[in-house]
Amino acid sequence: RFTISRDNAKNTVYLQMNSLRPEDTAVYYCAARSRLTFSSATYSRPQE
C-alpha cells in the first residue's frame, strides 16, 4: 500500500500512501541514519 522513494538531487524522501485505513492514523516522522548497514534488524529500530 505504501511506497518509499527518494530524490537525492532534491534532498527529499517521499512516502506515497495508498488505500489508507483508519488504523494508519498517526503522526508520521521521517528519520535519517548515518550508518551504512541496511537490514531489517537495523532500519526498523528507532534507536538506530
All heavy atoms as atom14 arrays in JSON, in Angstrom:
{
  "sequence": "RFTISRDNAKNTVYLQMNSLRPEDTAVYYCAARSRLTFSSATYSRPQE",
  "atom14_mask": [
    [1, 1, 1, 1, 1, 1, 1, 1, 1, 1, 1, 0, 0, 0],
    [1, 1, 1, 1, 1, 1, 1, 1, 1, 1, 1, 0, 0, 0],
    [1, 1, 1, 1, 1, 1, 1, 0, 0, 0, 0, 0, 0, 0],
    [1, 1, 1, 1, 1, 1, 1, 1, 0, 0, 0, 0, 0, 0],
    [1, 1, 1, 1, 1, 1, 0, 0, 0, 0, 0, 0, 0, 0],
    [1, 1, 1, 1, 1, 1, 1, 1, 1, 1, 1, 0, 0, 0],
    [1, 1, 1, 1, 1, 1, 1, 1, 0, 0, 0, 0, 0, 0],
    [1, 1, 1, 1, 1, 1, 1, 1, 0, 0, 0, 0, 0, 0],
    [1, 1, 1, 1, 1, 0, 0, 0, 0, 0, 0, 0, 0, 0],
    [1, 1, 1, 1, 1, 1, 1, 1, 1, 0, 0, 0, 0, 0],
    [1, 1, 1, 1, 1, 1, 1, 1, 0, 0, 0, 0, 0, 0],
    [1, 1, 1, 1, 1, 1, 1, 0, 0, 0, 0, 0, 0, 0],
    [1, 1, 1, 1, 1, 1, 1, 0, 0, 0, 0, 0, 0, 0],
    [1, 1, 1, 1, 1, 1, 1, 1, 1, 1, 1, 1, 0, 0],
    [1, 1, 1, 1, 1, 1, 1, 1, 0, 0, 0, 0, 0, 0],
    [1, 1, 1, 1, 1, 1, 1, 1, 1, 0, 0, 0, 0, 0],
    [1, 1, 1, 1, 1, 1, 1, 1, 0, 0, 0, 0, 0, 0],
    [1, 1, 1, 1, 1, 1, 1, 1, 0, 0, 0, 0, 0, 0],
    [1, 1, 1, 1, 1, 1, 0, 0, 0, 0, 0, 0, 0, 0],
    [1, 1, 1, 1, 1, 1, 1, 1, 0, 0, 0, 0, 0, 0],
    [1, 1, 1, 1, 1, 1, 1, 1, 1, 1, 1, 0, 0, 0],
    [1, 1, 1, 1, 1, 1, 1, 0, 0, 0, 0, 0, 0, 0],
    [1, 1, 1, 1, 1, 1, 1, 1, 1, 0, 0, 0, 0, 0],
    [1, 1, 1, 1, 1, 1, 1, 1, 0, 0, 0, 0, 0, 0],
    [1, 1, 1, 1, 1, 1, 1, 0, 0, 0, 0, 0, 0, 0],
    [1, 1, 1, 1, 1, 0, 0, 0, 0, 0, 0, 0, 0, 0],
    [1, 1, 1, 1, 1, 1, 1, 0, 0, 0, 0, 0, 0, 0],
    [1, 1, 1, 1, 1, 1, 1, 1, 1, 1, 1, 1, 0, 0],
    [1, 1, 1, 1, 1, 1, 1, 1, 1, 1, 1, 1, 0, 0],
    [1, 1, 1, 1, 1, 1, 0, 0, 0, 0, 0, 0, 0, 0],
    [1, 1, 1, 1, 1, 0, 0, 0, 0, 0, 0, 0, 0, 0],
    [1, 1, 1, 1, 1, 0, 0, 0, 0, 0, 0, 0, 0, 0],
    [1, 1, 1, 1, 1, 1, 1, 1, 1, 1, 1, 0, 0, 0],
    [1, 1, 1, 1, 1, 1, 0, 0, 0, 0, 0, 0, 0, 0],
    [1, 1, 1, 1, 1, 1, 1, 1, 1, 1, 1, 0, 0, 0],
    [1, 1, 1, 1, 1, 1, 1, 1, 0, 0, 0, 0, 0, 0],
    [1, 1, 1, 1, 1, 1, 1, 0, 0, 0, 0, 0, 0, 0],
    [1, 1, 1, 1, 1, 1, 1, 1, 1, 1, 1, 0, 0, 0],
    [1, 1, 1, 1, 1, 1, 0, 0, 0, 0, 0, 0, 0, 0],
    [1, 1, 1, 1, 1, 1, 0, 0, 0, 0, 0, 0, 0, 0],
    [1, 1, 1, 1, 1, 0, 0, 0, 0, 0, 0, 0, 0, 0],
    [1, 1, 1, 1, 1, 1, 1, 0, 0, 0, 0, 0, 0, 0],
    [1, 1, 1, 1, 1, 1, 1, 1, 1, 1, 1, 1, 0, 0],
    [1, 1, 1, 1, 1, 1, 0, 0, 0, 0, 0, 0, 0, 0],
    [1, 1, 1, 1, 1, 1, 1, 1, 1, 1, 1, 0, 0, 0],
    [1, 1, 1, 1, 1, 1, 1, 0, 0, 0, 0, 0, 0, 0],
    [1, 1, 1, 1, 1, 1, 1, 1, 1, 0, 0, 0, 0, 0],
    [1, 1, 1, 1, 1, 1, 1, 1, 1, 0, 0, 0, 0, 0]
  ],
  "atom14_positions": [
    [[0.83, -1.22, 0.0], [0.0, 0.0, 0.0], [0.85, 1.26, 0.0], [0.47, 2.27, -0.59], [-0.91, 0.02, 1.23], [-1.88, -1.13, 1.32], [-2.88, -0.95, 2.46], [-2.24, -0.88, 3.76], [-2.39, 0.15, 4.61], [-3.14, 1.17, 4.29], [-1.79, 0.12, 5.8], [0.0, 0.0, 0.0], [0.0, 0.0, 0.0], [0.0, 0.0, 0.0]],
    [[1.99, 1.23, 0.69], [2.88, 2.38, 0.8], [4.14, 2.16, -0.03], [4.62, 1.03, -0.16], [3.3, 2.6, 2.25], [2.2, 3.06, 3.19], [0.86, 3.06, 2.81], [2.52, 3.49, 4.47], [-0.13, 3.48, 3.67], [1.54, 3.91, 5.36], [0.21, 3.9, 4.96], [0.0, 0.0, 0.0], [0.0, 0.0, 0.0], [0.0, 0.0, 0.0]],
    [[4.68, 3.26, -0.56], [5.93, 3.2, -1.31], [6.84, 4.32, -0.86], [6.44, 5.5, -0.87], [5.67, 3.33, -2.82], [4.78, 2.3, -3.25], [6.98, 3.22, -3.59], [0.0, 0.0, 0.0], [0.0, 0.0, 0.0], [0.0, 0.0, 0.0], [0.0, 0.0, 0.0], [0.0, 0.0, 0.0], [0.0, 0.0, 0.0], [0.0, 0.0, 0.0]],
    [[8.06, 3.98, -0.48], [9.06, 4.97, -0.11], [9.97, 5.2, -1.3], [10.31, 4.25, -2.03], [9.85, 4.53, 1.14], [10.75, 5.66, 1.64], [10.65, 3.25, 0.88], [11.4, 5.38, 2.99], [0.0, 0.0, 0.0], [0.0, 0.0, 0.0], [0.0, 0.0, 0.0], [0.0, 0.0, 0.0], [0.0, 0.0, 0.0], [0.0, 0.0, 0.0]],
    [[10.36, 6.45, -1.5], [11.3, 6.78, -2.58], [12.1, 7.99, -2.15], [11.79, 8.63, -1.15], [10.55, 7.06, -3.88], [9.67, 8.17, -3.74], [0.0, 0.0, 0.0], [0.0, 0.0, 0.0], [0.0, 0.0, 0.0], [0.0, 0.0, 0.0], [0.0, 0.0, 0.0], [0.0, 0.0, 0.0], [0.0, 0.0, 0.0], [0.0, 0.0, 0.0]],
    [[13.14, 8.3, -2.91], [13.96, 9.46, -2.57], [14.49, 10.09, -3.85], [14.68, 9.42, -4.87], [15.1, 9.07, -1.64], [16.14, 8.16, -2.24], [17.1, 7.63, -1.16], [17.87, 8.7, -0.53], [18.5, 8.57, 0.63], [18.43, 7.43, 1.3], [19.18, 9.57, 1.14], [0.0, 0.0, 0.0], [0.0, 0.0, 0.0], [0.0, 0.0, 0.0]],
    [[14.77, 11.38, -3.74], [15.39, 12.13, -4.82], [16.59, 12.84, -4.2], [16.44, 13.87, -3.54], [14.41, 13.14, -5.42], [14.97, 13.86, -6.62], [16.2, 13.93, -6.77], [14.18, 14.38, -7.41], [0.0, 0.0, 0.0], [0.0, 0.0, 0.0], [0.0, 0.0, 0.0], [0.0, 0.0, 0.0], [0.0, 0.0, 0.0], [0.0, 0.0, 0.0]],
    [[17.77, 12.27, -4.38], [18.96, 12.83, -3.73], [19.33, 14.2, -4.3], [19.94, 15.01, -3.6], [20.13, 11.87, -3.84], [19.97, 10.66, -2.93], [19.18, 10.68, -1.98], [20.7, 9.6, -3.21], [0.0, 0.0, 0.0], [0.0, 0.0, 0.0], [0.0, 0.0, 0.0], [0.0, 0.0, 0.0], [0.0, 0.0, 0.0], [0.0, 0.0, 0.0]],
    [[18.94, 14.47, -5.52], [19.22, 15.78, -6.1], [18.4, 16.87, -5.41], [18.81, 18.03, -5.38], [18.92, 15.77, -7.59], [0.0, 0.0, 0.0], [0.0, 0.0, 0.0], [0.0, 0.0, 0.0], [0.0, 0.0, 0.0], [0.0, 0.0, 0.0], [0.0, 0.0, 0.0], [0.0, 0.0, 0.0], [0.0, 0.0, 0.0], [0.0, 0.0, 0.0]],
    [[17.25, 16.47, -4.86], [16.38, 17.43, -4.17], [16.45, 17.28, -2.66], [15.69, 17.96, -1.94], [14.94, 17.24, -4.64], [14.72, 17.57, -6.1], [13.25, 17.4, -6.48], [13.02, 17.78, -7.94], [11.59, 17.62, -8.33], [0.0, 0.0, 0.0], [0.0, 0.0, 0.0], [0.0, 0.0, 0.0], [0.0, 0.0, 0.0], [0.0, 0.0, 0.0]],
    [[17.31, 16.39, -2.17], [17.41, 16.16, -0.72], [16.05, 15.86, -0.1], [15.71, 16.38, 0.97], [18.05, 17.36, -0.01], [19.56, 17.37, -0.11], [20.14, 16.64, -0.91], [20.21, 18.2, 0.68], [0.0, 0.0, 0.0], [0.0, 0.0, 0.0], [0.0, 0.0, 0.0], [0.0, 0.0, 0.0], [0.0, 0.0, 0.0], [0.0, 0.0, 0.0]],
    [[15.29, 15.02, -0.76], [13.92, 14.76, -0.31], [13.62, 13.27, -0.36], [14.01, 12.57, -1.31], [12.91, 15.53, -1.18], [13.2, 16.93, -1.12], [11.49, 15.31, -0.68], [0.0, 0.0, 0.0], [0.0, 0.0, 0.0], [0.0, 0.0, 0.0], [0.0, 0.0, 0.0], [0.0, 0.0, 0.0], [0.0, 0.0, 0.0], [0.0, 0.0, 0.0]],
    [[12.9, 12.8, 0.65], [12.39, 11.44, 0.67], [10.86, 11.52, 0.72], [10.31, 12.45, 1.32], [12.97, 10.64, 1.85], [12.56, 11.24, 3.19], [12.57, 9.18, 1.77], [0.0, 0.0, 0.0], [0.0, 0.0, 0.0], [0.0, 0.0, 0.0], [0.0, 0.0, 0.0], [0.0, 0.0, 0.0], [0.0, 0.0, 0.0], [0.0, 0.0, 0.0]],
    [[10.21, 10.57, 0.08], [8.76, 10.57, -0.05], [8.16, 9.3, 0.53], [8.81, 8.25, 0.56], [8.35, 10.69, -1.51], [8.95, 11.87, -2.23], [10.1, 11.73, -3.01], [8.36, 13.13, -2.14], [10.66, 12.81, -3.66], [8.91, 14.22, -2.8], [10.06, 14.06, -3.56], [10.6, 15.12, -4.21], [0.0, 0.0, 0.0], [0.0, 0.0, 0.0]],
    [[6.91, 9.41, 0.93], [6.14, 8.22, 1.3], [4.78, 8.34, 0.62], [3.96, 9.17, 1.03], [5.98, 8.11, 2.81], [5.28, 6.82, 3.28], [6.18, 5.61, 3.0], [4.94, 6.89, 4.76], [0.0, 0.0, 0.0], [0.0, 0.0, 0.0], [0.0, 0.0, 0.0], [0.0, 0.0, 0.0], [0.0, 0.0, 0.0], [0.0, 0.0, 0.0]],
    [[4.58, 7.55, -0.42], [3.29, 7.51, -1.1], [2.41, 6.49, -0.37], [2.78, 5.32, -0.26], [3.48, 7.1, -2.56], [2.18, 6.96, -3.33], [1.45, 8.28, -3.51], [2.06, 9.29, -3.83], [0.15, 8.28, -3.3], [0.0, 0.0, 0.0], [0.0, 0.0, 0.0], [0.0, 0.0, 0.0], [0.0, 0.0, 0.0], [0.0, 0.0, 0.0]],
    [[1.27, 6.96, 0.1], [0.38, 6.1, 0.89], [-0.95, 5.95, 0.13], [-1.66, 6.93, -0.07], [0.14, 6.72, 2.27], [1.44, 7.01, 3.03], [1.15, 7.58, 4.72], [0.32, 9.12, 4.41], [0.0, 0.0, 0.0], [0.0, 0.0, 0.0], [0.0, 0.0, 0.0], [0.0, 0.0, 0.0], [0.0, 0.0, 0.0], [0.0, 0.0, 0.0]],
    [[-1.24, 4.74, -0.26], [-2.48, 4.42, -0.96], [-3.34, 3.49, -0.12], [-2.86, 2.88, 0.83], [-2.17, 3.76, -2.31], [-1.37, 4.64, -3.23], [-1.5, 5.87, -3.2], [-0.54, 4.03, -4.07], [0.0, 0.0, 0.0], [0.0, 0.0, 0.0], [0.0, 0.0, 0.0], [0.0, 0.0, 0.0], [0.0, 0.0, 0.0], [0.0, 0.0, 0.0]],
    [[-4.61, 3.4, -0.49], [-5.55, 2.52, 0.21], [-5.48, 2.73, 1.73], [-5.39, 1.77, 2.51], [-5.25, 1.06, -0.13], [-5.34, 0.83, -1.51], [0.0, 0.0, 0.0], [0.0, 0.0, 0.0], [0.0, 0.0, 0.0], [0.0, 0.0, 0.0], [0.0, 0.0, 0.0], [0.0, 0.0, 0.0], [0.0, 0.0, 0.0], [0.0, 0.0, 0.0]],
    [[-5.53, 3.97, 2.12], [-5.38, 4.3, 3.55], [-6.54, 3.75, 4.36], [-7.69, 3.69, 3.9], [-5.25, 5.8, 3.73], [-3.86, 6.35, 3.38], [-3.92, 7.84, 3.12], [-2.89, 6.03, 4.49], [0.0, 0.0, 0.0], [0.0, 0.0, 0.0], [0.0, 0.0, 0.0], [0.0, 0.0, 0.0], [0.0, 0.0, 0.0], [0.0, 0.0, 0.0]],
    [[-6.19, 3.4, 5.59], [-7.16, 2.82, 6.54], [-7.2, 3.67, 7.8], [-6.21, 4.34, 8.12], [-6.73, 1.4, 6.9], [-6.52, 0.47, 5.72], [-5.79, -0.79, 6.13], [-5.59, -1.71, 5.02], [-4.79, -2.76, 5.06], [-4.13, -3.05, 6.18], [-4.66, -3.55, 3.99], [0.0, 0.0, 0.0], [0.0, 0.0, 0.0], [0.0, 0.0, 0.0]],
    [[-8.29, 3.61, 8.54], [-8.32, 4.38, 9.8], [-7.16, 4.04, 10.73], [-6.66, 4.93, 11.44], [-9.67, 3.96, 10.39], [-10.52, 3.65, 9.21], [-9.59, 3.01, 8.21], [0.0, 0.0, 0.0], [0.0, 0.0, 0.0], [0.0, 0.0, 0.0], [0.0, 0.0, 0.0], [0.0, 0.0, 0.0], [0.0, 0.0, 0.0], [0.0, 0.0, 0.0]],
    [[-6.7, 2.81, 10.72], [-5.59, 2.42, 11.6], [-4.25, 3.01, 11.17], [-3.26, 2.87, 11.88], [-5.49, 0.9, 11.71], [-5.38, 0.16, 10.39], [-6.73, -0.36, 9.9], [-7.75, 0.35, 10.09], [-6.75, -1.46, 9.31], [0.0, 0.0, 0.0], [0.0, 0.0, 0.0], [0.0, 0.0, 0.0], [0.0, 0.0, 0.0], [0.0, 0.0, 0.0]],
    [[-4.2, 3.67, 10.01], [-3.0, 4.38, 9.6], [-2.91, 5.76, 10.23], [-1.88, 6.45, 10.07], [-2.96, 4.53, 8.07], [-2.84, 3.2, 7.35], [-2.05, 2.34, 7.8], [-3.52, 3.03, 6.32], [0.0, 0.0, 0.0], [0.0, 0.0, 0.0], [0.0, 0.0, 0.0], [0.0, 0.0, 0.0], [0.0, 0.0, 0.0], [0.0, 0.0, 0.0]],
    [[-3.94, 6.18, 10.93], [-3.94, 7.48, 11.59], [-2.83, 7.56, 12.62], [-2.73, 6.7, 13.5], [-5.3, 7.73, 12.26], [-6.32, 7.82, 11.25], [-5.28, 9.02, 13.07], [0.0, 0.0, 0.0], [0.0, 0.0, 0.0], [0.0, 0.0, 0.0], [0.0, 0.0, 0.0], [0.0, 0.0, 0.0], [0.0, 0.0, 0.0], [0.0, 0.0, 0.0]],
    [[-1.98, 8.58, 12.49], [-0.84, 8.74, 13.38], [-0.09, 10.01, 13.0], [-0.37, 10.62, 11.95], [0.11, 7.55, 13.27], [0.0, 0.0, 0.0], [0.0, 0.0, 0.0], [0.0, 0.0, 0.0], [0.0, 0.0, 0.0], [0.0, 0.0, 0.0], [0.0, 0.0, 0.0], [0.0, 0.0, 0.0], [0.0, 0.0, 0.0], [0.0, 0.0, 0.0]],
    [[0.87, 10.38, 13.82], [1.86, 11.37, 13.42], [2.99, 10.61, 12.73], [3.51, 9.63, 13.28], [2.39, 12.15, 14.64], [3.48, 13.13, 14.18], [1.26, 12.89, 15.33], [0.0, 0.0, 0.0], [0.0, 0.0, 0.0], [0.0, 0.0, 0.0], [0.0, 0.0, 0.0], [0.0, 0.0, 0.0], [0.0, 0.0, 0.0], [0.0, 0.0, 0.0]],
    [[3.34, 11.06, 11.54], [4.38, 10.41, 10.75], [5.67, 11.22, 10.83], [5.65, 12.44, 10.63], [3.93, 10.27, 9.31], [2.95, 9.13, 9.12], [1.65, 9.23, 9.6], [3.32, 7.96, 8.47], [0.76, 8.18, 9.46], [2.43, 6.91, 8.31], [1.15, 7.03, 8.81], [0.26, 5.99, 8.66], [0.0, 0.0, 0.0], [0.0, 0.0, 0.0]],
    [[6.75, 10.51, 11.11], [8.06, 11.12, 11.26], [9.03, 10.56, 10.23], [9.03, 9.35, 9.98], [8.63, 10.84, 12.64], [7.82, 11.36, 13.8], [6.83, 10.58, 14.38], [8.07, 12.62, 14.33], [6.09, 11.05, 15.45], [7.33, 13.1, 15.41], [6.35, 12.31, 15.97], [5.62, 12.78, 17.03], [0.0, 0.0, 0.0], [0.0, 0.0, 0.0]],
    [[9.86, 11.42, 9.68], [10.98, 10.89, 8.91], [12.24, 10.96, 9.76], [12.33, 11.77, 10.7], [11.16, 11.6, 7.57], [11.86, 13.24, 7.65], [0.0, 0.0, 0.0], [0.0, 0.0, 0.0], [0.0, 0.0, 0.0], [0.0, 0.0, 0.0], [0.0, 0.0, 0.0], [0.0, 0.0, 0.0], [0.0, 0.0, 0.0], [0.0, 0.0, 0.0]],
    [[13.18, 10.11, 9.43], [14.4, 10.0, 10.22], [15.57, 9.66, 9.3], [15.38, 9.04, 8.24], [14.24, 8.92, 11.29], [0.0, 0.0, 0.0], [0.0, 0.0, 0.0], [0.0, 0.0, 0.0], [0.0, 0.0, 0.0], [0.0, 0.0, 0.0], [0.0, 0.0, 0.0], [0.0, 0.0, 0.0], [0.0, 0.0, 0.0], [0.0, 0.0, 0.0]],
    [[16.76, 10.06, 9.72], [17.98, 9.82, 8.94], [18.97, 9.01, 9.77], [19.16, 9.28, 10.96], [18.61, 11.15, 8.52], [0.0, 0.0, 0.0], [0.0, 0.0, 0.0], [0.0, 0.0, 0.0], [0.0, 0.0, 0.0], [0.0, 0.0, 0.0], [0.0, 0.0, 0.0], [0.0, 0.0, 0.0], [0.0, 0.0, 0.0], [0.0, 0.0, 0.0]],
    [[19.6, 8.06, 9.1], [20.55, 7.16, 9.75], [21.86, 7.19, 8.99], [21.89, 6.94, 7.78], [19.97, 5.75, 9.77], [20.85, 4.7, 10.42], [20.11, 3.37, 10.47], [20.89, 2.37, 11.18], [21.78, 1.57, 10.6], [21.99, 1.65, 9.29], [22.45, 0.7, 11.31], [0.0, 0.0, 0.0], [0.0, 0.0, 0.0], [0.0, 0.0, 0.0]],
    [[22.96, 7.48, 9.7], [24.24, 7.68, 9.02], [24.99, 6.39, 8.75], [25.84, 6.34, 7.88], [25.12, 8.62, 9.84], [25.36, 8.06, 11.12], [0.0, 0.0, 0.0], [0.0, 0.0, 0.0], [0.0, 0.0, 0.0], [0.0, 0.0, 0.0], [0.0, 0.0, 0.0], [0.0, 0.0, 0.0], [0.0, 0.0, 0.0], [0.0, 0.0, 0.0]],
    [[24.7, 5.33, 9.48], [25.47, 4.1, 9.28], [25.06, 3.4, 7.99], [23.93, 3.5, 7.56], [25.28, 3.18, 10.48], [26.17, 3.57, 11.65], [25.51, 3.29, 12.97], [24.47, 4.26, 13.25], [23.77, 4.29, 14.37], [24.02, 3.4, 15.3], [22.84, 5.2, 14.57], [0.0, 0.0, 0.0], [0.0, 0.0, 0.0], [0.0, 0.0, 0.0]],
    [[26.01, 2.68, 7.39], [25.81, 2.16, 6.04], [25.09, 0.82, 5.99], [24.61, 0.41, 4.94], [27.15, 2.03, 5.32], [27.9, 3.34, 5.1], [29.23, 3.07, 4.41], [27.05, 4.3, 4.26], [0.0, 0.0, 0.0], [0.0, 0.0, 0.0], [0.0, 0.0, 0.0], [0.0, 0.0, 0.0], [0.0, 0.0, 0.0], [0.0, 0.0, 0.0]],
    [[25.02, 0.12, 7.1], [24.35, -1.19, 7.09], [22.86, -1.0, 6.82], [22.25, -0.03, 7.27], [24.54, -1.92, 8.42], [24.1, -1.08, 9.48], [25.99, -2.29, 8.63], [0.0, 0.0, 0.0], [0.0, 0.0, 0.0], [0.0, 0.0, 0.0], [0.0, 0.0, 0.0], [0.0, 0.0, 0.0], [0.0, 0.0, 0.0], [0.0, 0.0, 0.0]],
    [[22.28, -1.95, 6.07], [20.87, -1.86, 5.74], [20.27, -3.25, 5.87], [20.42, -4.09, 4.98], [20.68, -1.32, 4.32], [19.26, -0.97, 3.99], [18.72, 0.25, 4.37], [18.44, -1.85, 3.28], [17.4, 0.58, 4.06], [17.14, -1.53, 2.96], [16.62, -0.31, 3.36], [0.0, 0.0, 0.0], [0.0, 0.0, 0.0], [0.0, 0.0, 0.0]],
    [[19.6, -3.47, 6.97], [18.93, -4.74, 7.19], [17.71, -4.47, 8.06], [17.65, -3.47, 8.77], [19.85, -5.75, 7.88], [20.09, -5.36, 9.22], [0.0, 0.0, 0.0], [0.0, 0.0, 0.0], [0.0, 0.0, 0.0], [0.0, 0.0, 0.0], [0.0, 0.0, 0.0], [0.0, 0.0, 0.0], [0.0, 0.0, 0.0], [0.0, 0.0, 0.0]],
    [[16.74, -5.37, 8.02], [15.53, -5.16, 8.8], [15.82, -5.09, 10.29], [15.05, -4.49, 11.04], [14.52, -6.26, 8.51], [15.07, -7.53, 8.81], [0.0, 0.0, 0.0], [0.0, 0.0, 0.0], [0.0, 0.0, 0.0], [0.0, 0.0, 0.0], [0.0, 0.0, 0.0], [0.0, 0.0, 0.0], [0.0, 0.0, 0.0], [0.0, 0.0, 0.0]],
    [[16.92, -5.68, 10.71], [17.28, -5.65, 12.13], [17.74, -4.27, 12.56], [17.76, -3.96, 13.75], [18.37, -6.68, 12.42], [0.0, 0.0, 0.0], [0.0, 0.0, 0.0], [0.0, 0.0, 0.0], [0.0, 0.0, 0.0], [0.0, 0.0, 0.0], [0.0, 0.0, 0.0], [0.0, 0.0, 0.0], [0.0, 0.0, 0.0], [0.0, 0.0, 0.0]],
    [[18.14, -3.45, 11.59], [18.65, -2.11, 11.94], [17.7, -1.02, 11.49], [17.32, -0.16, 12.28], [20.03, -1.89, 11.3], [19.95, -2.12, 9.89], [21.07, -2.83, 11.91], [0.0, 0.0, 0.0], [0.0, 0.0, 0.0], [0.0, 0.0, 0.0], [0.0, 0.0, 0.0], [0.0, 0.0, 0.0], [0.0, 0.0, 0.0], [0.0, 0.0, 0.0]],
    [[17.25, -1.02, 10.24], [16.47, 0.12, 9.75], [15.09, 0.21, 10.38], [14.42, 1.24, 10.28], [16.38, 0.15, 8.23], [15.68, -1.0, 7.54], [14.35, -1.31, 7.78], [16.35, -1.78, 6.6], [13.72, -2.34, 7.13], [15.74, -2.81, 5.93], [14.41, -3.09, 6.21], [13.79, -4.12, 5.56], [0.0, 0.0, 0.0], [0.0, 0.0, 0.0]],
    [[14.62, -0.85, 11.03], [13.29, -0.82, 11.63], [13.3, -0.32, 13.08], [12.23, -0.19, 13.69], [12.67, -2.21, 11.58], [13.42, -3.12, 12.37], [0.0, 0.0, 0.0], [0.0, 0.0, 0.0], [0.0, 0.0, 0.0], [0.0, 0.0, 0.0], [0.0, 0.0, 0.0], [0.0, 0.0, 0.0], [0.0, 0.0, 0.0], [0.0, 0.0, 0.0]],
    [[14.46, -0.07, 13.63], [14.56, 0.32, 15.04], [14.76, 1.83, 15.18], [15.73, 2.37, 14.65], [15.72, -0.41, 15.7], [15.6, -1.94, 15.66], [16.84, -2.58, 16.2], [17.01, -2.31, 17.61], [18.2, -2.28, 18.21], [19.3, -2.5, 17.52], [18.28, -2.05, 19.51], [0.0, 0.0, 0.0], [0.0, 0.0, 0.0], [0.0, 0.0, 0.0]],
    [[13.88, 2.53, 15.89], [14.03, 3.99, 16.03], [15.39, 4.4, 16.6], [15.93, 5.43, 16.2], [12.89, 4.37, 16.98], [11.88, 3.28, 16.84], [12.66, 2.04, 16.55], [0.0, 0.0, 0.0], [0.0, 0.0, 0.0], [0.0, 0.0, 0.0], [0.0, 0.0, 0.0], [0.0, 0.0, 0.0], [0.0, 0.0, 0.0], [0.0, 0.0, 0.0]],
    [[15.93, 3.61, 17.5], [17.19, 3.99, 18.14], [18.38, 3.93, 17.19], [19.46, 4.4, 17.53], [17.45, 3.13, 19.38], [17.45, 1.64, 19.13], [16.09, 1.0, 19.39], [15.06, 1.49, 18.93], [16.09, -0.1, 20.12], [0.0, 0.0, 0.0], [0.0, 0.0, 0.0], [0.0, 0.0, 0.0], [0.0, 0.0, 0.0], [0.0, 0.0, 0.0]],
    [[18.19, 3.38, 16.0], [19.26, 3.33, 15.0], [19.39, 4.63, 14.22], [20.34, 4.79, 13.46], [19.0, 2.18, 14.02], [19.16, 0.79, 14.64], [20.62, 0.41, 14.85], [21.49, 0.93, 14.12], [20.89, -0.41, 15.75], [0.0, 0.0, 0.0], [0.0, 0.0, 0.0], [0.0, 0.0, 0.0], [0.0, 0.0, 0.0], [0.0, 0.0, 0.0]]
  ]
}
